C-alpha atoms as a PDB file:
ATOM      1  CA  MET A   1       0.000   0.000   0.000  1.00  0.00           C
ATOM      2  CA  THR A   2       1.390   3.395  -0.970  1.00  0.00           C
ATOM      3  CA  HIS A   3       1.980   5.689   1.982  1.00  0.00           C
ATOM      4  CA  THR A   4      -0.138   8.819   1.761  1.00  0.00           C
ATOM      5  CA  ARG A   5       1.010  11.887   3.629  1.00  0.00           C
ATOM      6  CA  VAL A   6      -1.148  14.068   5.832  1.00  0.00           C
ATOM      7  CA  TRP A   7      -0.859  17.807   5.286  1.00  0.00           C
ATOM      8  CA  LEU A   8      -1.925  20.679   7.516  1.00  0.00           C
ATOM      9  CA  ILE A   9      -2.104  23.886   5.482  1.00  0.00           C
ATOM     10  CA  THR A  10      -3.054  27.240   6.980  1.00  0.00           C
ATOM     11  CA  GLY A  11      -4.610  29.949   4.851  1.00  0.00           C
ATOM     12  CA  ALA A  12      -5.947  27.169   2.639  1.00  0.00           C
ATOM     13  CA  SER A  13      -9.159  28.774   1.396  1.00  0.00           C
ATOM     14  CA  ARG A  14      -7.533  30.807  -1.394  1.00  0.00           C
ATOM     15  CA  GLY A  15      -4.274  31.703  -3.117  1.00  0.00           C
ATOM     16  CA  LEU A  16      -1.183  29.636  -2.513  1.00  0.00           C
ATOM     17  CA  GLY A  17      -2.703  27.654   0.346  1.00  0.00           C
ATOM     18  CA  ARG A  18      -5.594  26.539  -1.834  1.00  0.00           C
ATOM     19  CA  ALA A  19      -3.214  25.625  -4.667  1.00  0.00           C
ATOM     20  CA  PHE A  20      -1.027  23.567  -2.338  1.00  0.00           C
ATOM     21  CA  ALA A  21      -4.058  21.781  -0.921  1.00  0.00           C
ATOM     22  CA  GLU A  22      -5.367  20.902  -4.376  1.00  0.00           C
ATOM     23  CA  ALA A  23      -1.952  19.600  -5.473  1.00  0.00           C
ATOM     24  CA  ALA A  24      -1.606  17.426  -2.376  1.00  0.00           C
ATOM     25  CA  LEU A  25      -5.109  16.017  -2.827  1.00  0.00           C
ATOM     26  CA  ALA A  26      -4.507  15.336  -6.520  1.00  0.00           C
ATOM     27  CA  SER A  27      -1.436  13.307  -5.566  1.00  0.00           C
ATOM     28  CA  GLY A  28      -3.531  11.100  -3.293  1.00  0.00           C
ATOM     29  CA  ASP A  29      -2.481  12.698  -0.009  1.00  0.00           C
ATOM     30  CA  ARG A  30      -4.875  13.806   2.721  1.00  0.00           C
ATOM     31  CA  VAL A  31      -5.237  17.407   3.823  1.00  0.00           C
ATOM     32  CA  VAL A  32      -6.444  19.330   6.833  1.00  0.00           C
ATOM     33  CA  ALA A  33      -7.210  22.713   5.277  1.00  0.00           C
ATOM     34  CA  ALA A  34      -7.271  25.502   7.852  1.00  0.00           C
ATOM     35  CA  ALA A  35      -8.764  28.944   7.271  1.00  0.00           C
ATOM     36  CA  ARG A  36     -10.759  31.567   9.125  1.00  0.00           C
ATOM     37  CA  ASN A  37     -13.577  31.030   6.628  1.00  0.00           C
ATOM     38  CA  VAL A  38     -13.863  27.426   5.480  1.00  0.00           C
ATOM     39  CA  GLU A  39     -16.918  27.939   3.284  1.00  0.00           C
ATOM     40  CA  PRO A  40     -14.804  28.189   0.071  1.00  0.00           C
ATOM     41  CA  LEU A  41     -13.420  24.725   0.901  1.00  0.00           C
ATOM     42  CA  GLU A  42     -16.786  22.944   0.833  1.00  0.00           C
ATOM     43  CA  GLU A  43     -16.634  22.219  -2.889  1.00  0.00           C
ATOM     44  CA  LEU A  44     -13.132  20.796  -2.539  1.00  0.00           C
ATOM     45  CA  ALA A  45     -14.249  18.601   0.360  1.00  0.00           C
ATOM     46  CA  GLU A  46     -17.064  17.209  -1.820  1.00  0.00           C
ATOM     47  CA  LYS A  47     -14.609  16.512  -4.641  1.00  0.00           C
ATOM     48  CA  TYR A  48     -12.244  14.603  -2.315  1.00  0.00           C
ATOM     49  CA  PRO A  49     -14.490  12.875   0.250  1.00  0.00           C
ATOM     50  CA  GLY A  50     -12.549  11.384   3.123  1.00  0.00           C
ATOM     51  CA  HIS A  51      -9.361  13.125   2.059  1.00  0.00           C
ATOM     52  CA  LEU A  52     -10.024  16.762   2.983  1.00  0.00           C
ATOM     53  CA  VAL A  53     -11.015  18.064   6.395  1.00  0.00           C
ATOM     54  CA  PRO A  54     -11.769  21.804   6.561  1.00  0.00           C
ATOM     55  CA  LEU A  55     -10.638  23.354   9.855  1.00  0.00           C
ATOM     56  CA  SER A  56     -11.921  26.719  11.025  1.00  0.00           C
ATOM     57  CA  LEU A  57      -8.870  28.447  12.489  1.00  0.00           C
ATOM     58  CA  ASP A  58      -7.649  31.955  13.287  1.00  0.00           C
ATOM     59  CA  VAL A  59      -3.868  31.674  13.610  1.00  0.00           C
ATOM     60  CA  ALA A  60      -3.737  34.877  15.671  1.00  0.00           C
ATOM     61  CA  ASP A  61      -5.549  33.036  18.489  1.00  0.00           C
ATOM     62  CA  ARG A  62      -2.839  31.008  20.252  1.00  0.00           C
ATOM     63  CA  ARG A  63      -5.207  28.868  22.317  1.00  0.00           C
ATOM     64  CA  GLY A  64      -7.377  28.317  19.253  1.00  0.00           C
ATOM     65  CA  VAL A  65      -4.313  27.214  17.278  1.00  0.00           C
ATOM     66  CA  PHE A  66      -3.316  24.617  19.871  1.00  0.00           C
ATOM     67  CA  ASP A  67      -6.874  23.278  20.023  1.00  0.00           C
ATOM     68  CA  GLY A  68      -7.099  23.294  16.227  1.00  0.00           C
ATOM     69  CA  VAL A  69      -3.832  21.398  15.798  1.00  0.00           C
ATOM     70  CA  GLU A  70      -5.102  18.705  18.164  1.00  0.00           C
ATOM     71  CA  ARG A  71      -8.188  18.325  15.946  1.00  0.00           C
ATOM     72  CA  ALA A  72      -6.001  18.311  12.846  1.00  0.00           C
ATOM     73  CA  ALA A  73      -3.742  15.578  14.211  1.00  0.00           C
ATOM     74  CA  ALA A  74      -6.759  13.494  15.214  1.00  0.00           C
ATOM     75  CA  ALA A  75      -8.448  13.854  11.813  1.00  0.00           C
ATOM     76  CA  PHE A  76      -6.140  11.351  10.077  1.00  0.00           C
ATOM     77  CA  GLY A  77      -4.033  10.137  13.009  1.00  0.00           C
ATOM     78  CA  ARG A  78      -0.833  12.035  12.186  1.00  0.00           C
ATOM     79  CA  LEU A  79       0.714  15.097  10.529  1.00  0.00           C
ATOM     80  CA  ASP A  80       3.477  14.759   7.951  1.00  0.00           C
ATOM     81  CA  VAL A  81       3.720  18.133   6.199  1.00  0.00           C
ATOM     82  CA  VAL A  82       2.739  21.400   7.868  1.00  0.00           C
ATOM     83  CA  VAL A  83       2.569  24.508   5.676  1.00  0.00           C
ATOM     84  CA  ASN A  84       2.525  27.809   7.557  1.00  0.00           C
ATOM     85  CA  ASN A  85       0.920  29.864   4.815  1.00  0.00           C
ATOM     86  CA  ALA A  86      -1.690  32.118   6.465  1.00  0.00           C
ATOM     87  CA  GLY A  87      -0.882  35.799   6.102  1.00  0.00           C
ATOM     88  CA  GLY A  88      -1.995  39.234   5.050  1.00  0.00           C
ATOM     89  CA  MET A  89      -0.697  42.586   3.829  1.00  0.00           C
ATOM     90  CA  LEU A  90      -0.444  45.900   5.668  1.00  0.00           C
ATOM     91  CA  TYR A  91       0.010  48.458   2.910  1.00  0.00           C
ATOM     92  CA  GLY A  92       1.274  51.935   3.699  1.00  0.00           C
ATOM     93  CA  MET A  93       4.128  53.998   5.063  1.00  0.00           C
ATOM     94  CA  VAL A  94       5.602  53.192   8.468  1.00  0.00           C
ATOM     95  CA  GLU A  95       4.519  56.533   9.962  1.00  0.00           C
ATOM     96  CA  GLU A  96       0.938  56.043   8.791  1.00  0.00           C
ATOM     97  CA  ALA A  97       0.257  52.690  10.436  1.00  0.00           C
ATOM     98  CA  THR A  98      -1.668  52.596  13.696  1.00  0.00           C
ATOM     99  CA  GLU A  99      -0.626  50.452  16.635  1.00  0.00           C
ATOM    100  CA  GLU A 100      -3.754  48.352  16.146  1.00  0.00           C
ATOM    101  CA  GLN A 101      -2.915  47.738  12.480  1.00  0.00           C
ATOM    102  CA  ILE A 102       0.711  46.843  13.212  1.00  0.00           C
ATOM    103  CA  ARG A 103      -0.101  44.439  16.025  1.00  0.00           C
ATOM    104  CA  ALA A 104      -2.901  42.778  14.072  1.00  0.00           C
ATOM    105  CA  HIS A 105      -0.580  42.324  11.102  1.00  0.00           C
ATOM    106  CA  MET A 106       2.211  40.774  13.145  1.00  0.00           C
ATOM    107  CA  ASP A 107      -0.271  38.607  15.045  1.00  0.00           C
ATOM    108  CA  VAL A 108      -1.075  36.840  11.774  1.00  0.00           C
ATOM    109  CA  ASN A 109       2.118  37.022   9.723  1.00  0.00           C
ATOM    110  CA  PHE A 110       4.617  36.310  12.487  1.00  0.00           C
ATOM    111  CA  PHE A 111       3.042  35.193  15.754  1.00  0.00           C
ATOM    112  CA  GLY A 112       0.434  33.058  14.001  1.00  0.00           C
ATOM    113  CA  ALA A 113       3.175  31.040  12.327  1.00  0.00           C
ATOM    114  CA  VAL A 114       4.983  30.733  15.670  1.00  0.00           C
ATOM    115  CA  TRP A 115       1.863  29.404  17.389  1.00  0.00           C
ATOM    116  CA  VAL A 116       1.335  26.816  14.648  1.00  0.00           C
ATOM    117  CA  ALA A 117       4.986  25.707  14.848  1.00  0.00           C
ATOM    118  CA  GLN A 118       4.824  25.386  18.638  1.00  0.00           C
ATOM    119  CA  ALA A 119       1.583  23.414  18.445  1.00  0.00           C
ATOM    120  CA  VAL A 120       2.657  20.914  15.772  1.00  0.00           C
ATOM    121  CA  LEU A 121       6.191  20.202  16.995  1.00  0.00           C
ATOM    122  CA  PRO A 122       5.192  17.818  19.821  1.00  0.00           C
ATOM    123  CA  HIS A 123       3.275  15.735  17.261  1.00  0.00           C
ATOM    124  CA  LEU A 124       6.093  15.706  14.702  1.00  0.00           C
ATOM    125  CA  ARG A 125       8.689  14.932  17.356  1.00  0.00           C
ATOM    126  CA  ALA A 126       6.622  12.107  18.848  1.00  0.00           C
ATOM    127  CA  GLN A 127       6.239  10.373  15.492  1.00  0.00           C
ATOM    128  CA  GLY A 128       9.950  10.735  14.707  1.00  0.00           C
ATOM    129  CA  GLY A 129       9.838  13.415  12.034  1.00  0.00           C
ATOM    130  CA  GLY A 130       7.924  15.591   9.632  1.00  0.00           C
ATOM    131  CA  ARG A 131       8.175  18.683   7.472  1.00  0.00           C
ATOM    132  CA  LEU A 132       7.471  22.274   8.432  1.00  0.00           C
ATOM    133  CA  LEU A 133       7.310  24.657   5.476  1.00  0.00           C
ATOM    134  CA  GLN A 134       7.388  28.316   6.507  1.00  0.00           C
ATOM    135  CA  VAL A 135       5.994  30.474   3.725  1.00  0.00           C
ATOM    136  CA  THR A 136       7.985  33.719   3.760  1.00  0.00           C
ATOM    137  CA  SER A 137       8.890  35.986   0.845  1.00  0.00           C
ATOM    138  CA  MET A 138      11.593  36.579  -1.730  1.00  0.00           C
ATOM    139  CA  GLY A 139      11.669  40.139  -0.339  1.00  0.00           C
ATOM    140  CA  SER A 140      12.258  39.173   3.296  1.00  0.00           C
ATOM    141  CA  GLY A 141      15.946  40.021   3.008  1.00  0.00           C
ATOM    142  CA  GLY A 142      15.242  43.751   2.911  1.00  0.00           C
ATOM    143  CA  GLY A 143      12.568  46.390   3.326  1.00  0.00           C
ATOM    144  CA  MET A 144      10.723  48.451   0.737  1.00  0.00           C
ATOM    145  CA  ALA A 145       8.525  51.524   1.067  1.00  0.00           C
ATOM    146  CA  THR A 146       4.770  50.894   1.487  1.00  0.00           C
ATOM    147  CA  VAL A 147       5.242  47.199   2.323  1.00  0.00           C
ATOM    148  CA  GLY A 148       7.677  47.543   5.213  1.00  0.00           C
ATOM    149  CA  PHE A 149       5.554  45.747   7.769  1.00  0.00           C
ATOM    150  CA  TYR A 150       4.950  42.805   5.443  1.00  0.00           C
ATOM    151  CA  GLY A 151       8.696  42.487   4.873  1.00  0.00           C
ATOM    152  CA  ALA A 152       9.383  42.864   8.586  1.00  0.00           C
ATOM    153  CA  GLY A 153       7.027  40.048   9.518  1.00  0.00           C
ATOM    154  CA  LYS A 154       8.454  37.735   6.874  1.00  0.00           C
ATOM    155  CA  ALA A 155      12.040  38.629   7.830  1.00  0.00           C
ATOM    156  CA  ALA A 156      11.284  37.834  11.462  1.00  0.00           C
ATOM    157  CA  LEU A 157       9.792  34.482  10.456  1.00  0.00           C
ATOM    158  CA  ASP A 158      12.790  33.794   8.218  1.00  0.00           C
ATOM    159  CA  SER A 159      15.247  34.371  11.041  1.00  0.00           C
ATOM    160  CA  LEU A 160      13.275  32.480  13.660  1.00  0.00           C
ATOM    161  CA  SER A 161      12.774  29.534  11.322  1.00  0.00           C
ATOM    162  CA  GLU A 162      16.507  29.168  10.741  1.00  0.00           C
ATOM    163  CA  ALA A 163      16.963  28.883  14.497  1.00  0.00           C
ATOM    164  CA  LEU A 164      14.052  26.453  14.689  1.00  0.00           C
ATOM    165  CA  ALA A 165      15.560  24.292  11.955  1.00  0.00           C
ATOM    166  CA  MET A 166      18.704  23.856  14.041  1.00  0.00           C
ATOM    167  CA  GLU A 167      16.698  23.082  17.177  1.00  0.00           C
ATOM    168  CA  VAL A 168      14.469  20.338  15.759  1.00  0.00           C
ATOM    169  CA  GLU A 169      16.634  18.656  13.136  1.00  0.00           C
ATOM    170  CA  GLY A 170      17.841  16.147  15.721  1.00  0.00           C
ATOM    171  CA  PHE A 171      14.250  14.946  16.100  1.00  0.00           C
ATOM    172  CA  GLY A 172      13.887  14.267  12.381  1.00  0.00           C
ATOM    173  CA  VAL A 173      11.877  17.424  11.761  1.00  0.00           C
ATOM    174  CA  LYS A 174      12.947  19.376   8.671  1.00  0.00           C
ATOM    175  CA  VAL A 175      12.175  23.106   8.444  1.00  0.00           C
ATOM    176  CA  THR A 176      12.356  25.054   5.184  1.00  0.00           C
ATOM    177  CA  ASN A 177      11.842  28.765   4.591  1.00  0.00           C
ATOM    178  CA  VAL A 178       9.834  28.853   1.379  1.00  0.00           C
ATOM    179  CA  GLN A 179      10.617  32.282  -0.056  1.00  0.00           C
ATOM    180  CA  MET A 180       7.741  32.894  -2.418  1.00  0.00           C
ATOM    181  CA  GLY A 181       7.876  35.206  -5.409  1.00  0.00           C
ATOM    182  CA  GLY A 182       4.961  37.366  -6.508  1.00  0.00           C
ATOM    183  CA  TYR A 183       1.944  35.210  -7.358  1.00  0.00           C
ATOM    184  CA  ASN A 184      -1.629  36.189  -8.136  1.00  0.00           C
ATOM    185  CA  THR A 185      -2.963  35.313  -4.686  1.00  0.00           C
ATOM    186  CA  GLY A 186      -5.254  38.259  -3.978  1.00  0.00           C
ATOM    187  CA  LEU A 187      -2.868  39.422  -1.254  1.00  0.00           C
ATOM    188  CA  PHE A 188      -3.097  43.020  -2.452  1.00  0.00           C
ATOM    189  CA  THR A 189      -6.897  42.931  -2.574  1.00  0.00           C
ATOM    190  CA  ALA A 190      -8.757  40.578  -0.237  1.00  0.00           C
ATOM    191  CA  GLY A 191      -5.764  40.166   2.054  1.00  0.00           C
ATOM    192  CA  THR A 192      -4.809  43.827   2.424  1.00  0.00           C
ATOM    193  CA  THR A 193      -5.267  46.385   5.172  1.00  0.00           C
ATOM    194  CA  THR A 194      -4.447  49.919   4.029  1.00  0.00           C
ATOM    195  CA  THR A 195      -3.207  52.777   6.183  1.00  0.00           C
ATOM    196  CA  GLU A 196      -4.718  56.270   6.158  1.00  0.00           C
ATOM    197  CA  PRO A 197      -2.450  58.143   3.704  1.00  0.00           C
ATOM    198  CA  LEU A 198      -0.522  61.188   4.868  1.00  0.00           C
ATOM    199  CA  PRO A 199      -0.280  63.846   2.119  1.00  0.00           C
ATOM    200  CA  ARG A 200       3.457  64.319   2.641  1.00  0.00           C
ATOM    201  CA  TYR A 201       4.082  60.796   1.339  1.00  0.00           C
ATOM    202  CA  GLN A 202       1.935  61.105  -1.780  1.00  0.00           C
ATOM    203  CA  PRO A 203       4.848  61.653  -4.220  1.00  0.00           C
ATOM    204  CA  LEU A 204       6.585  58.509  -2.995  1.00  0.00           C
ATOM    205  CA  ARG A 205       3.315  56.585  -2.891  1.00  0.00           C
ATOM    206  CA  THR A 206       2.651  57.495  -6.522  1.00  0.00           C
ATOM    207  CA  GLU A 207       6.181  56.449  -7.450  1.00  0.00           C
ATOM    208  CA  MET A 208       5.808  53.091  -5.696  1.00  0.00           C
ATOM    209  CA  GLU A 209       2.400  52.411  -7.247  1.00  0.00           C
ATOM    210  CA  ALA A 210       3.873  53.087 -10.690  1.00  0.00           C
ATOM    211  CA  MET A 211       6.706  50.682  -9.894  1.00  0.00           C
ATOM    212  CA  TRP A 212       4.291  47.938  -8.763  1.00  0.00           C
ATOM    213  CA  GLY A 213       2.268  48.477 -11.946  1.00  0.00           C
ATOM    214  CA  ASP A 214      -0.941  46.658 -12.861  1.00  0.00           C
ATOM    215  CA  ALA A 215       0.627  43.358 -13.847  1.00  0.00           C
ATOM    216  CA  VAL A 216      -0.359  40.340 -11.779  1.00  0.00           C
ATOM    217  CA  GLY A 217       2.007  37.496 -11.096  1.00  0.00           C
ATOM    218  CA  PRO A 218       1.669  33.878 -12.190  1.00  0.00           C
ATOM    219  CA  GLU A 219      -1.248  31.824 -10.919  1.00  0.00           C
ATOM    220  CA  PRO A 220      -0.655  30.095  -7.543  1.00  0.00           C
ATOM    221  CA  GLU A 221      -1.023  26.605  -8.997  1.00  0.00           C
ATOM    222  CA  THR A 222       2.183  27.127 -10.983  1.00  0.00           C
ATOM    223  CA  ALA A 223       4.099  27.145  -7.680  1.00  0.00           C
ATOM    224  CA  ALA A 224       2.489  23.969  -6.343  1.00  0.00           C
ATOM    225  CA  PRO A 225       4.797  21.479  -8.165  1.00  0.00           C
ATOM    226  CA  VAL A 226       7.778  23.030  -6.386  1.00  0.00           C
ATOM    227  CA  ILE A 227       6.130  22.507  -3.003  1.00  0.00           C
ATOM    228  CA  MET A 228       5.270  18.902  -3.841  1.00  0.00           C
ATOM    229  CA  LYS A 229       8.852  18.152  -4.857  1.00  0.00           C
ATOM    230  CA  LEU A 230      10.210  19.970  -1.794  1.00  0.00           C
ATOM    231  CA  ALA A 231       7.989  17.987   0.569  1.00  0.00           C
ATOM    232  CA  ALA A 232       9.265  14.733  -0.942  1.00  0.00           C
ATOM    233  CA  LEU A 233      12.987  15.492  -0.598  1.00  0.00           C
ATOM    234  CA  PRO A 234      14.753  13.307   1.986  1.00  0.00           C
ATOM    235  CA  ASP A 235      17.118  16.152   2.880  1.00  0.00           C
ATOM    236  CA  PRO A 236      15.403  19.440   1.998  1.00  0.00           C
ATOM    237  CA  PRO A 237      17.163  22.825   2.042  1.00  0.00           C
ATOM    238  CA  ARG A 238      16.566  25.283   4.862  1.00  0.00           C
ATOM    239  CA  ARG A 239      15.813  27.980   2.289  1.00  0.00           C
ATOM    240  CA  LEU A 240      14.224  27.796  -1.129  1.00  0.00           C
ATOM    241  CA  ILE A 241      13.243  30.609  -3.497  1.00  0.00           C
ATOM    242  CA  VAL A 242      10.089  29.769  -5.447  1.00  0.00           C
ATOM    243  CA  GLY A 243       9.970  31.490  -8.829  1.00  0.00           C
ATOM    244  CA  SER A 244      12.470  31.816 -11.661  1.00  0.00           C
ATOM    245  CA  GLN A 245      12.317  35.619 -11.875  1.00  0.00           C
ATOM    246  CA  SER A 246      12.320  35.872  -8.100  1.00  0.00           C
ATOM    247  CA  PHE A 247      15.465  33.744  -7.951  1.00  0.00           C
ATOM    248  CA  ASP A 248      17.257  36.269 -10.159  1.00  0.00           C
ATOM    249  CA  HIS A 249      15.924  39.221  -8.151  1.00  0.00           C
ATOM    250  CA  VAL A 250      17.061  37.735  -4.841  1.00  0.00           C
ATOM    251  CA  LEU A 251      20.572  37.162  -6.190  1.00  0.00           C
ATOM    252  CA  GLU A 252      20.641  40.739  -7.493  1.00  0.00           C
ATOM    253  CA  MET A 253      19.537  42.101  -4.122  1.00  0.00           C
ATOM    254  CA  GLY A 254      22.178  40.025  -2.353  1.00  0.00           C
ATOM    255  CA  GLN A 255      24.876  41.288  -4.691  1.00  0.00           C
ATOM    256  CA  ALA A 256      23.750  44.899  -4.193  1.00  0.00           C
ATOM    257  CA  ARG A 257      23.942  44.484  -0.425  1.00  0.00           C
ATOM    258  CA  SER A 258      27.387  42.903  -0.670  1.00  0.00           C
ATOM    259  CA  ASP A 259      28.556  45.786  -2.863  1.00  0.00           C
ATOM    260  CA  LEU A 260      27.229  48.300  -0.329  1.00  0.00           C
ATOM    261  CA  TYR A 261      29.089  46.610   2.515  1.00  0.00           C
ATOM    262  CA  ARG A 262      32.299  46.569   0.483  1.00  0.00           C
ATOM    263  CA  SER A 263      32.005  50.241  -0.399  1.00  0.00           C
ATOM    264  CA  TRP A 264      32.015  51.116   3.319  1.00  0.00           C
ATOM    265  CA  GLU A 265      34.438  48.430   4.452  1.00  0.00           C
ATOM    266  CA  HIS A 266      37.014  51.082   5.363  1.00  0.00           C
ATOM    267  CA  LEU A 267      34.619  52.561   7.939  1.00  0.00           C
ATOM    268  CA  SER A 268      33.516  49.194   9.313  1.00  0.00           C
ATOM    269  CA  ARG A 269      37.100  48.068   9.944  1.00  0.00           C
ATOM    270  CA  ILE A 270      37.962  51.044  12.128  1.00  0.00           C
ATOM    271  CA  ALA A 271      36.274  49.224  15.005  1.00  0.00           C
ATOM    272  CA  PRO A 272      38.006  46.052  16.299  1.00  0.00           C
ATOM    273  CA  GLY A 273      34.845  44.064  17.188  1.00  0.00           C
END
């Protein structure tokens, strides 16, 4: 009998999470699909009876996450691949964002992923292994105007996940930062909270909006084969960029940062530390 894996995917009702869930189901695996609103998952549950369990879950609610993970683990008796995908966008300048907006954003994009990781690790450790895929961003290595809080949350998750990978590898648990490129996920529409614009930033806002343009990225399902291959690797990488163009952009950004450091090396080396 072929072994089928059990996936837990957060933010599974749309975008990348939905695409990953559909790919896993199409391969014969079973999926616990978590989302705040599970109604969009009903059709998928009917298409794959006995293989998909919708799970109503708000990742910002730590107690709710721990309770939800217990239900997820009980649904099929184990968890093999956990995809921390739930997230949103806070769009606007740093000065414009309210405390409520900032905290709500980080509660989902950073703390929500932490709560899920903490809740699933006892299960993965007890069964001798598993995969934890942390969906971050190709832009998490640096900040950019108007999307600074999104980058900050993903950068924090990136850094924490590298530490986590070191901590749990001895238990057979493999952690990978999945640095996603720009896909047509609805992040900038349904998943976006917008700040109240300050007039002084309008010139820069207009410049950034022109830079973003109207073009949408590839459809989420085009990224799913990468995730399926990644989940099957016996020794997966701790970081993986998803997207050909994004791969080039990340290398360019890394080179630009290296060049900047080198240009000021003379100042850095004055200090002995």
